[in-house]
C-alpha atoms as a PDB file:
ATOM      1  CA  MET A   1      21.160   8.950  11.783  1.00  0.00           C
ATOM      2  CA  GLU A   2      20.369   7.688   8.277  1.00  0.00           C
ATOM      3  CA  LEU A   3      17.232   8.946   6.579  1.00  0.00           C
ATOM      4  CA  SER A   4      15.199   6.405   4.709  1.00  0.00           C
ATOM      5  CA  LYS A   5      12.462   6.875   2.155  1.00  0.00           C
ATOM      6  CA  PRO A   6       8.907   6.452   3.397  1.00  0.00           C
ATOM      7  CA  PRO A   7       7.047   3.544   1.836  1.00  0.00           C
ATOM      8  CA  SER A   8       5.220   4.509  -1.323  1.00  0.00           C
ATOM      9  CA  SER A   9       1.888   3.219  -2.525  1.00  0.00           C
ATOM     10  CA  CYS A  10       3.045   3.874  -6.087  1.00  0.00           C
ATOM     11  CA  SER A  11       4.659   1.113  -8.069  1.00  0.00           C
ATOM     12  CA  ALA A  12       8.199   1.377  -9.442  1.00  0.00           C
ATOM     13  CA  VAL A  13       6.721   1.711 -12.928  1.00  0.00           C
ATOM     14  CA  ARG A  14       5.450   5.145 -13.861  1.00  0.00           C
ATOM     15  CA  PRO A  15       1.740   5.370 -13.178  1.00  0.00           C
ATOM     16  CA  ARG A  16      -0.712   6.442 -15.847  1.00  0.00           C
ATOM     17  CA  LEU A  17      -1.401  10.153 -15.732  1.00  0.00           C
ATOM     18  CA  PHE A  18      -5.099  11.019 -15.366  1.00  0.00           C
ATOM     19  CA  ARG A  19      -6.878  14.313 -15.925  1.00  0.00           C
ATOM     20  CA  ILE A  20     -10.083  15.119 -14.050  1.00  0.00           C
ATOM     21  CA  GLY A  21     -12.415  17.976 -14.881  1.00  0.00           C
ATOM     22  CA  ARG A  22     -15.865  18.906 -16.140  1.00  0.00           C
ATOM     23  CA  ASP A  23     -17.107  18.685 -19.698  1.00  0.00           C
ATOM     24  CA  SER A  24     -19.142  21.369 -21.460  1.00  0.00           C
ATOM     25  CA  HIS A  25     -22.345  19.897 -19.949  1.00  0.00           C
ATOM     26  CA  GLY A  26     -21.027  20.020 -16.369  1.00  0.00           C
ATOM     27  CA  ARG A  27     -20.435  16.256 -16.048  1.00  0.00           C
ATOM     28  CA  TRP A  28     -17.292  15.022 -14.290  1.00  0.00           C
ATOM     29  CA  VAL A  29     -14.719  13.382 -16.579  1.00  0.00           C
ATOM     30  CA  ALA A  30     -11.642  11.308 -15.797  1.00  0.00           C
ATOM     31  CA  GLN A  31      -9.342  10.197 -18.612  1.00  0.00           C
ATOM     32  CA  ASP A  32      -5.793   8.917 -18.895  1.00  0.00           C
ATOM     33  CA  GLN A  33      -3.207  10.827 -20.902  1.00  0.00           C
ATOM     34  CA  HIS A  34      -3.363   8.456 -23.880  1.00  0.00           C
ATOM     35  CA  GLY A  35      -7.156   8.417 -24.174  1.00  0.00           C
ATOM     36  CA  LEU A  36      -7.350   4.676 -23.563  1.00  0.00           C
ATOM     37  CA  CYS A  37      -9.215   4.700 -20.255  1.00  0.00           C
ATOM     38  CA  GLY A  38     -11.780   7.058 -18.771  1.00  0.00           C
ATOM     39  CA  GLY A  39     -15.404   7.806 -18.125  1.00  0.00           C
ATOM     40  CA  LEU A  40     -18.149  10.141 -16.956  1.00  0.00           C
ATOM     41  CA  PHE A  41     -18.928  10.328 -13.237  1.00  0.00           C
ATOM     42  CA  VAL A  42     -21.672  11.648 -10.995  1.00  0.00           C
ATOM     43  CA  ASP A  43     -19.272  13.772  -8.962  1.00  0.00           C
ATOM     44  CA  ARG A  44     -15.633  14.729  -8.461  1.00  0.00           C
ATOM     45  CA  THR A  45     -15.119  12.159  -5.700  1.00  0.00           C
ATOM     46  CA  GLU A  46     -16.119   9.248  -7.945  1.00  0.00           C
ATOM     47  CA  ALA A  47     -13.913  10.501 -10.783  1.00  0.00           C
ATOM     48  CA  LEU A  48     -10.987  10.767  -8.375  1.00  0.00           C
ATOM     49  CA  LYS A  49     -11.624   7.274  -6.946  1.00  0.00           C
ATOM     50  CA  PHE A  50     -11.592   5.852 -10.474  1.00  0.00           C
ATOM     51  CA  ALA A  51      -8.358   7.629 -11.439  1.00  0.00           C
ATOM     52  CA  MET A  52      -6.613   6.588  -8.225  1.00  0.00           C
ATOM     53  CA  PHE A  53      -7.697   2.962  -8.670  1.00  0.00           C
ATOM     54  CA  GLU A  54      -6.538   2.894 -12.292  1.00  0.00           C
ATOM     55  CA  ASN A  55      -3.144   4.513 -11.658  1.00  0.00           C
ATOM     56  CA  GLY A  56      -2.193   2.380  -8.667  1.00  0.00           C
ATOM     57  CA  ASN A  57      -3.179   4.904  -5.984  1.00  0.00           C
ATOM     58  CA  CYS A  58      -0.629   7.526  -6.991  1.00  0.00           C
ATOM     59  CA  PRO A  59      -2.050  11.008  -6.298  1.00  0.00           C
ATOM     60  CA  GLN A  60       0.934  12.652  -8.024  1.00  0.00           C
ATOM     61  CA  ALA A  61      -0.400  11.235 -11.309  1.00  0.00           C
ATOM     62  CA  VAL A  62      -3.781  13.013 -11.134  1.00  0.00           C
ATOM     63  CA  ILE A  63      -4.280  16.489 -12.584  1.00  0.00           C
ATOM     64  CA  MET A  64      -7.365  18.580 -11.896  1.00  0.00           C
ATOM     65  CA  VAL A  65      -8.249  20.543 -15.047  1.00  0.00           C
ATOM     66  CA  SER A  66      -9.743  23.984 -14.476  1.00  0.00           C
ATOM     67  CA  GLY A  67     -11.088  24.397 -18.026  1.00  0.00           C
ATOM     68  CA  VAL A  68     -13.365  22.168 -20.074  1.00  0.00           C
ATOM     69  CA  LEU A  69     -12.301  18.525 -20.363  1.00  0.00           C
ATOM     70  CA  GLU A  70     -14.231  16.537 -22.962  1.00  0.00           C
ATOM     71  CA  LEU A  71     -14.180  12.755 -22.810  1.00  0.00           C
ATOM     72  CA  ASP A  72     -12.537  11.449 -25.989  1.00  0.00           C
ATOM     73  CA  MET A  73     -12.643   7.672 -26.320  1.00  0.00           C
ATOM     74  CA  SER A  74     -11.748   7.555 -30.014  1.00  0.00           C
ATOM     75  CA  SER A  75     -10.219   4.357 -31.334  1.00  0.00           C
ATOM     76  CA  GLU A  76      -6.873   6.072 -31.997  1.00  0.00           C
ATOM     77  CA  PRO A  77      -4.830   6.601 -28.820  1.00  0.00           C
ATOM     78  CA  ARG A  78      -3.391  10.067 -28.432  1.00  0.00           C
ATOM     79  CA  PRO A  79       0.384  10.434 -28.310  1.00  0.00           C
ATOM     80  CA  PRO A  80       1.811  11.020 -24.821  1.00  0.00           C
ATOM     81  CA  THR A  81       2.207  14.594 -23.691  1.00  0.00           C
ATOM     82  CA  LYS A  82       5.533  16.037 -22.605  1.00  0.00           C
ATOM     83  CA  LEU A  83       4.244  16.156 -19.035  1.00  0.00           C
ATOM     84  CA  THR A  84       5.505  13.150 -17.092  1.00  0.00           C
ATOM     85  CA  VAL A  85       4.771  12.327 -13.512  1.00  0.00           C
ATOM     86  CA  GLY A  86       6.796  10.255 -11.105  1.00  0.00           C
ATOM     87  CA  CYS A  87       5.831   8.993  -7.707  1.00  0.00           C
ATOM     88  CA  GLN A  88       8.564  10.855  -5.868  1.00  0.00           C
ATOM     89  CA  SER A  89       7.415  13.672  -3.673  1.00  0.00           C
ATOM     90  CA  ALA A  90       8.690  17.168  -4.397  1.00  0.00           C
ATOM     91  CA  ALA A  91      10.783  17.083  -1.208  1.00  0.00           C
ATOM     92  CA  ALA A  92      12.394  13.785  -2.213  1.00  0.00           C
ATOM     93  CA  SER A  93      13.133  15.154  -5.682  1.00  0.00           C
ATOM     94  CA  ARG A  94      14.840  18.210  -4.191  1.00  0.00           C
ATOM     95  CA  ALA A  95      16.860  16.015  -1.831  1.00  0.00           C
ATOM     96  CA  VAL A  96      18.060  13.849  -4.711  1.00  0.00           C
ATOM     97  CA  SER A  97      18.972  16.866  -6.849  1.00  0.00           C
ATOM     98  CA  ARG A  98      21.031  18.365  -3.974  1.00  0.00           C
ATOM     99  CA  THR A  99      23.134  15.235  -3.674  1.00  0.00           C
ATOM    100  CA  ARG A 100      24.149  15.285  -7.355  1.00  0.00           C
END
């Protein structure tokens, strides 16, 4: 029997990575890795909804920050971090690496 990949809600293009956390005033923040898109939200659920909508509904591209996360919407985009996220699940990644 041949195993096939389950359908993914993530696009073939890498989704934007979003960070979600609280700022120093306790407000919920969601912001993409480049600082181009983000906002303040009334609660965690709304911040998560925003991030999922903006990244094409790819939960693997959302990081919950345990420390302070300040919203920075400066005019200069930040350079990308070394952390990259794909839409493959961890199990699929392990299966691919075993076949190489």
